[in-house]
C-alpha atoms as a PDB file:
ATOM      1  CA  MET A   1       0.000   0.000   0.000  1.00  0.00           C
ATOM      2  CA  ILE A   2       1.194   3.519  -0.801  1.00  0.00           C
ATOM      3  CA  GLN A   3       0.123   6.440   1.393  1.00  0.00           C
ATOM      4  CA  ARG A   4       0.240   9.966  -0.014  1.00  0.00           C
ATOM      5  CA  PHE A   5       0.256  13.112   2.121  1.00  0.00           C
ATOM      6  CA  ASP A   6      -0.641  16.676   1.107  1.00  0.00           C
ATOM      7  CA  THR A   7      -1.354  15.583  -2.454  1.00  0.00           C
ATOM      8  CA  GLY A   8      -1.747  18.294  -5.069  1.00  0.00           C
ATOM      9  CA  PRO A   9      -2.191  18.320  -8.848  1.00  0.00           C
ATOM     10  CA  ARG A  10       1.528  17.742  -9.590  1.00  0.00           C
ATOM     11  CA  MET A  11       3.001  16.118  -6.496  1.00  0.00           C
ATOM     12  CA  SER A  12       2.571  14.882  -2.950  1.00  0.00           C
ATOM     13  CA  GLU A  13       4.639  16.379  -0.139  1.00  0.00           C
ATOM     14  CA  MET A  14       5.338  12.848   1.104  1.00  0.00           C
ATOM     15  CA  THR A  15       4.702   9.255   0.120  1.00  0.00           C
ATOM     16  CA  VAL A  16       5.087   6.247   2.387  1.00  0.00           C
ATOM     17  CA  HIS A  17       5.664   2.692   1.177  1.00  0.00           C
ATOM     18  CA  ASN A  18       7.124  -0.421   2.792  1.00  0.00           C
ATOM     19  CA  GLY A  19       8.091   1.385   5.977  1.00  0.00           C
ATOM     20  CA  VAL A  20       9.923   4.231   4.248  1.00  0.00           C
ATOM     21  CA  ALA A  21       8.854   7.896   4.006  1.00  0.00           C
ATOM     22  CA  TYR A  22       9.912   9.815   0.896  1.00  0.00           C
ATOM     23  CA  LEU A  23       9.621  13.582   1.240  1.00  0.00           C
ATOM     24  CA  ALA A  24       9.396  15.968  -1.679  1.00  0.00           C
ATOM     25  CA  GLY A  25      11.910  18.797  -1.731  1.00  0.00           C
ATOM     26  CA  GLN A  26      11.069  21.178   1.104  1.00  0.00           C
ATOM     27  CA  VAL A  27      11.631  24.917   0.723  1.00  0.00           C
ATOM     28  CA  ALA A  28      11.119  27.952   2.952  1.00  0.00           C
ATOM     29  CA  GLU A  29       7.753  29.697   3.203  1.00  0.00           C
ATOM     30  CA  ASP A  30       9.547  33.047   3.666  1.00  0.00           C
ATOM     31  CA  ALA A  31      11.915  33.405   0.726  1.00  0.00           C
ATOM     32  CA  GLY A  32      13.085  36.736   2.148  1.00  0.00           C
ATOM     33  CA  ALA A  33      14.834  35.077   5.081  1.00  0.00           C
ATOM     34  CA  ASP A  34      18.601  34.549   5.091  1.00  0.00           C
ATOM     35  CA  ILE A  35      20.098  31.073   4.635  1.00  0.00           C
ATOM     36  CA  VAL A  36      19.930  30.220   8.345  1.00  0.00           C
ATOM     37  CA  GLY A  37      16.287  31.298   8.541  1.00  0.00           C
ATOM     38  CA  GLN A  38      15.321  29.473   5.366  1.00  0.00           C
ATOM     39  CA  THR A  39      17.089  26.307   6.528  1.00  0.00           C
ATOM     40  CA  GLU A  40      15.316  26.467   9.890  1.00  0.00           C
ATOM     41  CA  GLN A  41      11.964  26.805   8.096  1.00  0.00           C
ATOM     42  CA  VAL A  42      12.742  23.813   5.877  1.00  0.00           C
ATOM     43  CA  LEU A  43      13.815  21.687   8.850  1.00  0.00           C
ATOM     44  CA  ALA A  44      10.594  22.564  10.696  1.00  0.00           C
ATOM     45  CA  ALA A  45       8.577  21.493   7.637  1.00  0.00           C
ATOM     46  CA  ILE A  46      10.527  18.217   7.554  1.00  0.00           C
ATOM     47  CA  ASP A  47       9.785  17.631  11.254  1.00  0.00           C
ATOM     48  CA  ALA A  48       6.061  18.200  10.627  1.00  0.00           C
ATOM     49  CA  LEU A  49       5.934  15.797   7.674  1.00  0.00           C
ATOM     50  CA  LEU A  50       7.878  13.120   9.509  1.00  0.00           C
ATOM     51  CA  ALA A  51       5.457  13.418  12.438  1.00  0.00           C
ATOM     52  CA  GLN A  52       2.542  12.771  10.053  1.00  0.00           C
ATOM     53  CA  ALA A  53       4.271   9.524   9.062  1.00  0.00           C
ATOM     54  CA  LYS A  54       4.813   8.669  12.760  1.00  0.00           C
ATOM     55  CA  THR A  55       8.582   8.953  12.556  1.00  0.00           C
ATOM     56  CA  ASP A  56      11.168  11.625  13.298  1.00  0.00           C
ATOM     57  CA  LYS A  57      14.577  12.986  12.363  1.00  0.00           C
ATOM     58  CA  ARG A  58      16.385  10.199  14.265  1.00  0.00           C
ATOM     59  CA  HIS A  59      15.164   7.843  11.527  1.00  0.00           C
ATOM     60  CA  ILE A  60      16.350   9.825   8.490  1.00  0.00           C
ATOM     61  CA  LEU A  61      18.271   7.566   6.144  1.00  0.00           C
ATOM     62  CA  ARG A  62      19.358  10.116   3.568  1.00  0.00           C
ATOM     63  CA  ALA A  63      19.292  13.878   3.047  1.00  0.00           C
ATOM     64  CA  GLU A  64      19.843  15.595  -0.291  1.00  0.00           C
ATOM     65  CA  ILE A  65      20.508  19.302   0.095  1.00  0.00           C
ATOM     66  CA  PHE A  66      20.355  21.725  -2.805  1.00  0.00           C
ATOM     67  CA  LEU A  67      21.829  25.204  -2.357  1.00  0.00           C
ATOM     68  CA  ALA A  68      21.302  28.031  -4.813  1.00  0.00           C
ATOM     69  CA  ASP A  69      24.781  29.302  -3.873  1.00  0.00           C
ATOM     70  CA  MET A  70      27.555  27.257  -2.243  1.00  0.00           C
ATOM     71  CA  ALA A  71      28.577  30.453  -0.429  1.00  0.00           C
ATOM     72  CA  ASP A  72      25.607  29.625   1.850  1.00  0.00           C
ATOM     73  CA  PHE A  73      27.062  26.230   2.829  1.00  0.00           C
ATOM     74  CA  ALA A  74      28.327  27.389   6.247  1.00  0.00           C
ATOM     75  CA  GLY A  75      25.042  29.096   7.152  1.00  0.00           C
ATOM     76  CA  MET A  76      23.017  26.050   6.127  1.00  0.00           C
ATOM     77  CA  ASN A  77      25.354  23.824   8.172  1.00  0.00           C
ATOM     78  CA  GLU A  78      24.920  26.128  11.182  1.00  0.00           C
ATOM     79  CA  ALA A  79      21.153  25.487  11.232  1.00  0.00           C
ATOM     80  CA  TRP A  80      21.574  21.821  10.251  1.00  0.00           C
ATOM     81  CA  GLY A  81      24.084  21.221  13.053  1.00  0.00           C
ATOM     82  CA  ARG A  82      21.676  22.518  15.708  1.00  0.00           C
ATOM     83  CA  TRP A  83      18.856  20.352  14.299  1.00  0.00           C
ATOM     84  CA  VAL A  84      20.381  17.012  13.343  1.00  0.00           C
ATOM     85  CA  PRO A  85      20.540  14.497  16.218  1.00  0.00           C
ATOM     86  CA  GLN A  86      24.151  13.650  17.028  1.00  0.00           C
ATOM     87  CA  GLY A  87      24.725   9.909  16.789  1.00  0.00           C
ATOM     88  CA  ASN A  88      21.873   9.634  14.268  1.00  0.00           C
ATOM     89  CA  THR A  89      23.228  11.741  11.416  1.00  0.00           C
ATOM     90  CA  PRO A  90      22.026  10.497   8.021  1.00  0.00           C
ATOM     91  CA  ALA A  91      23.897   9.917   4.800  1.00  0.00           C
ATOM     92  CA  ARG A  92      23.954  13.331   3.100  1.00  0.00           C
ATOM     93  CA  ALA A  93      24.838  15.046  -0.137  1.00  0.00           C
ATOM     94  CA  THR A  94      24.957  18.807  -0.729  1.00  0.00           C
ATOM     95  CA  VAL A  95      25.120  20.319  -4.207  1.00  0.00           C
ATOM     96  CA  GLN A  96      24.620  23.681  -5.846  1.00  0.00           C
ATOM     97  CA  ALA A  97      21.542  23.881  -8.055  1.00  0.00           C
ATOM     98  CA  GLN A  98      19.321  26.455  -9.685  1.00  0.00           C
ATOM     99  CA  LEU A  99      16.145  26.288  -7.606  1.00  0.00           C
ATOM    100  CA  ALA A 100      12.646  26.796  -9.026  1.00  0.00           C
ATOM    101  CA  SER A 101      12.110  30.195  -7.368  1.00  0.00           C
ATOM    102  CA  PRO A 102      14.836  32.858  -7.332  1.00  0.00           C
ATOM    103  CA  GLY A 103      14.197  33.664  -3.642  1.00  0.00           C
ATOM    104  CA  TRP A 104      14.814  30.141  -2.419  1.00  0.00           C
ATOM    105  CA  LYS A 105      18.276  29.535  -1.044  1.00  0.00           C
ATOM    106  CA  VAL A 106      17.902  25.890   0.043  1.00  0.00           C
ATOM    107  CA  GLU A 107      15.790  22.836  -0.774  1.00  0.00           C
ATOM    108  CA  ILE A 108      16.065  19.572   1.161  1.00  0.00           C
ATOM    109  CA  VAL A 109      14.848  16.099   0.152  1.00  0.00           C
ATOM    110  CA  ILE A 110      14.557  13.447   2.881  1.00  0.00           C
ATOM    111  CA  THR A 111      14.152   9.678   2.938  1.00  0.00           C
ATOM    112  CA  ALA A 112      13.349   8.224   6.372  1.00  0.00           C
ATOM    113  CA  ALA A 113      12.490   4.896   7.957  1.00  0.00           C
ATOM    114  CA  ILE A 114       9.151   4.698   9.727  1.00  0.00           C
ATOM    115  CA  ALA A 115       9.832   4.404  13.458  1.00  0.00           C
END
């Protein structure tokens, strides 16, 4: 069985299958915020989606992070470091990419095990 959450005309914010949650790329609601603020918004959205799937950040298997500008890497890592649970850090990749909206500085895709 496949569960879909927050399904719209083009995508779902999350799908769950076989005990794994697959999150769509999460971006900040306030594109005017700096990189730390945008990252914090994205991480809060991830927490909320994971809670809907009855799991949490301790069960993240993989994180894919897309930055509009690699100059923001340190600021993103500042927010990430406060959020990610030490001892349960996931596999992670960070790349520079042109994001869909010019105001977005960061987009994060998560794959997590269901707790």
